[in-house]
Amino acid sequence: MTHAELVYQHLKQLPDSVAAEVLDFVRFLEQKQANVEARLPRQPGSARGLIWMAADFDASLDDFKDY
Protein backbone atom coordinates (compact mmCIF):
# COMPACT_ATOMS: atom_id res chain seq x y z
CA MET A 1 0.00 0.00 0.00
CA THR A 2 1.32 3.47 -0.85
CA HIS A 3 1.51 6.30 1.64
CA ALA A 4 -1.39 8.04 -0.09
CA GLU A 5 -3.54 4.93 0.26
CA LEU A 6 -2.65 4.59 3.94
CA VAL A 7 -3.52 8.23 4.59
CA TYR A 8 -6.81 7.79 2.74
CA GLN A 9 -7.70 4.70 4.79
CA HIS A 10 -7.12 6.60 8.03
CA LEU A 11 -8.86 9.70 6.73
CA LYS A 12 -12.05 7.79 5.90
CA GLN A 13 -12.39 6.85 9.58
CA LEU A 14 -12.10 10.39 10.91
CA PRO A 15 -15.02 12.72 11.66
CA ASP A 16 -15.54 15.54 9.15
CA SER A 17 -14.22 18.22 11.52
CA VAL A 18 -10.92 16.37 11.95
CA ALA A 19 -10.75 15.56 8.23
CA ALA A 20 -11.04 19.31 7.55
CA GLU A 21 -8.00 19.89 9.76
CA VAL A 22 -6.12 17.21 7.83
CA LEU A 23 -7.04 18.95 4.58
CA ASP A 24 -5.77 22.27 5.96
CA PHE A 25 -2.51 20.60 6.94
CA VAL A 26 -2.12 19.00 3.50
CA ARG A 27 -2.63 22.41 1.87
CA PHE A 28 -0.04 23.88 4.24
CA LEU A 29 2.45 21.18 3.22
CA GLU A 30 1.75 21.81 -0.47
CA GLN A 31 2.41 25.52 0.00
CA LYS A 32 5.57 24.82 1.97
CA GLN A 33 6.84 22.52 -0.79
CA ALA A 34 6.05 25.11 -3.45
CA ASN A 35 8.09 27.69 -1.52
CA VAL A 36 11.07 25.32 -1.31
CA GLU A 37 10.94 24.62 -5.04
CA ALA A 38 10.64 28.34 -5.87
CA ARG A 39 13.88 29.27 -4.12
CA LEU A 40 16.78 30.11 -6.36
CA PRO A 41 19.98 28.14 -5.79
CA ARG A 42 22.60 30.02 -3.81
CA GLN A 43 25.54 31.39 -5.74
CA PRO A 44 29.05 31.45 -4.26
CA GLY A 45 30.11 34.99 -3.44
CA SER A 46 26.60 36.42 -3.49
CA ALA A 47 27.10 37.98 -0.02
CA ARG A 48 30.45 39.55 -0.88
CA GLY A 49 30.69 43.00 0.66
CA LEU A 50 27.79 42.42 3.05
CA ILE A 51 29.81 40.73 5.80
CA TRP A 52 32.84 42.31 7.41
CA MET A 53 35.08 41.93 10.46
CA ALA A 54 36.37 44.77 12.56
CA ALA A 55 40.11 45.39 12.33
CA ASP A 56 40.47 44.55 16.04
CA PHE A 57 38.41 41.35 15.84
CA ASP A 58 41.17 39.19 17.36
CA ALA A 59 42.02 41.68 20.13
CA SER A 60 41.03 40.87 23.69
CA LEU A 61 37.82 42.43 24.92
CA ASP A 62 38.10 45.05 27.64
CA ASP A 63 35.58 43.08 29.70
CA PHE A 64 38.05 40.20 30.05
CA LYS A 65 41.20 42.13 31.00
CA ASP A 66 40.80 41.15 34.67
CA TYR A 67 40.92 37.43 33.85
C-alpha atoms as a PDB file:
ATOM      1  CA  MET A   1       0.000   0.000   0.000  1.00  0.00           C
ATOM      2  CA  THR A   2       1.319   3.467  -0.853  1.00  0.00           C
ATOM      3  CA  HIS A   3       1.514   6.296   1.637  1.00  0.00           C
ATOM      4  CA  ALA A   4      -1.390   8.039  -0.092  1.00  0.00           C
ATOM      5  CA  GLU A   5      -3.542   4.931   0.265  1.00  0.00           C
ATOM      6  CA  LEU A   6      -2.652   4.594   3.944  1.00  0.00           C
ATOM      7  CA  VAL A   7      -3.520   8.230   4.589  1.00  0.00           C
ATOM      8  CA  TYR A   8      -6.807   7.787   2.743  1.00  0.00           C
ATOM      9  CA  GLN A   9      -7.699   4.696   4.793  1.00  0.00           C
ATOM     10  CA  HIS A  10      -7.122   6.595   8.031  1.00  0.00           C
ATOM     11  CA  LEU A  11      -8.861   9.702   6.727  1.00  0.00           C
ATOM     12  CA  LYS A  12     -12.047   7.795   5.901  1.00  0.00           C
ATOM     13  CA  GLN A  13     -12.387   6.847   9.579  1.00  0.00           C
ATOM     14  CA  LEU A  14     -12.103  10.392  10.911  1.00  0.00           C
ATOM     15  CA  PRO A  15     -15.017  12.720  11.657  1.00  0.00           C
ATOM     16  CA  ASP A  16     -15.538  15.545   9.146  1.00  0.00           C
ATOM     17  CA  SER A  17     -14.224  18.215  11.518  1.00  0.00           C
ATOM     18  CA  VAL A  18     -10.921  16.373  11.948  1.00  0.00           C
ATOM     19  CA  ALA A  19     -10.752  15.561   8.229  1.00  0.00           C
ATOM     20  CA  ALA A  20     -11.045  19.307   7.546  1.00  0.00           C
ATOM     21  CA  GLU A  21      -7.996  19.887   9.760  1.00  0.00           C
ATOM     22  CA  VAL A  22      -6.116  17.208   7.829  1.00  0.00           C
ATOM     23  CA  LEU A  23      -7.038  18.950   4.582  1.00  0.00           C
ATOM     24  CA  ASP A  24      -5.769  22.273   5.956  1.00  0.00           C
ATOM     25  CA  PHE A  25      -2.510  20.604   6.938  1.00  0.00           C
ATOM     26  CA  VAL A  26      -2.124  19.003   3.499  1.00  0.00           C
ATOM     27  CA  ARG A  27      -2.632  22.409   1.872  1.00  0.00           C
ATOM     28  CA  PHE A  28      -0.041  23.881   4.237  1.00  0.00           C
ATOM     29  CA  LEU A  29       2.451  21.180   3.224  1.00  0.00           C
ATOM     30  CA  GLU A  30       1.751  21.808  -0.467  1.00  0.00           C
ATOM     31  CA  GLN A  31       2.412  25.524  -0.001  1.00  0.00           C
ATOM     32  CA  LYS A  32       5.569  24.816   1.971  1.00  0.00           C
ATOM     33  CA  GLN A  33       6.844  22.518  -0.785  1.00  0.00           C
ATOM     34  CA  ALA A  34       6.048  25.111  -3.448  1.00  0.00           C
ATOM     35  CA  ASN A  35       8.090  27.690  -1.518  1.00  0.00           C
ATOM     36  CA  VAL A  36      11.069  25.322  -1.312  1.00  0.00           C
ATOM     37  CA  GLU A  37      10.941  24.622  -5.038  1.00  0.00           C
ATOM     38  CA  ALA A  38      10.641  28.336  -5.868  1.00  0.00           C
ATOM     39  CA  ARG A  39      13.884  29.274  -4.116  1.00  0.00           C
ATOM     40  CA  LEU A  40      16.783  30.113  -6.355  1.00  0.00           C
ATOM     41  CA  PRO A  41      19.977  28.139  -5.793  1.00  0.00           C
ATOM     42  CA  ARG A  42      22.601  30.017  -3.815  1.00  0.00           C
ATOM     43  CA  GLN A  43      25.536  31.395  -5.738  1.00  0.00           C
ATOM     44  CA  PRO A  44      29.051  31.453  -4.264  1.00  0.00           C
ATOM     45  CA  GLY A  45      30.112  34.995  -3.439  1.00  0.00           C
ATOM     46  CA  SER A  46      26.600  36.421  -3.485  1.00  0.00           C
ATOM     47  CA  ALA A  47      27.100  37.981  -0.023  1.00  0.00           C
ATOM     48  CA  ARG A  48      30.450  39.552  -0.881  1.00  0.00           C
ATOM     49  CA  GLY A  49      30.689  43.002   0.659  1.00  0.00           C
ATOM     50  CA  LEU A  50      27.786  42.418   3.050  1.00  0.00           C
ATOM     51  CA  ILE A  51      29.807  40.733   5.798  1.00  0.00           C
ATOM     52  CA  TRP A  52      32.836  42.315   7.406  1.00  0.00           C
ATOM     53  CA  MET A  53      35.080  41.932  10.456  1.00  0.00           C
ATOM     54  CA  ALA A  54      36.370  44.766  12.557  1.00  0.00           C
ATOM     55  CA  ALA A  55      40.111  45.387  12.331  1.00  0.00           C
ATOM     56  CA  ASP A  56      40.470  44.551  16.038  1.00  0.00           C
ATOM     57  CA  PHE A  57      38.408  41.349  15.843  1.00  0.00           C
ATOM     58  CA  ASP A  58      41.174  39.188  17.358  1.00  0.00           C
ATOM     59  CA  ALA A  59      42.018  41.682  20.126  1.00  0.00           C
ATOM     60  CA  SER A  60      41.025  40.872  23.690  1.00  0.00           C
ATOM     61  CA  LEU A  61      37.819  42.431  24.916  1.00  0.00           C
ATOM     62  CA  ASP A  62      38.097  45.047  27.642  1.00  0.00           C
ATOM     63  CA  ASP A  63      35.581  43.080  29.700  1.00  0.00           C
ATOM     64  CA  PHE A  64      38.051  40.197  30.054  1.00  0.00           C
ATOM     65  CA  LYS A  65      41.198  42.133  31.001  1.00  0.00           C
ATOM     66  CA  ASP A  66      40.797  41.146  34.669  1.00  0.00           C
ATOM     67  CA  TYR A  67      40.923  37.430  33.852  1.00  0.00           C
END
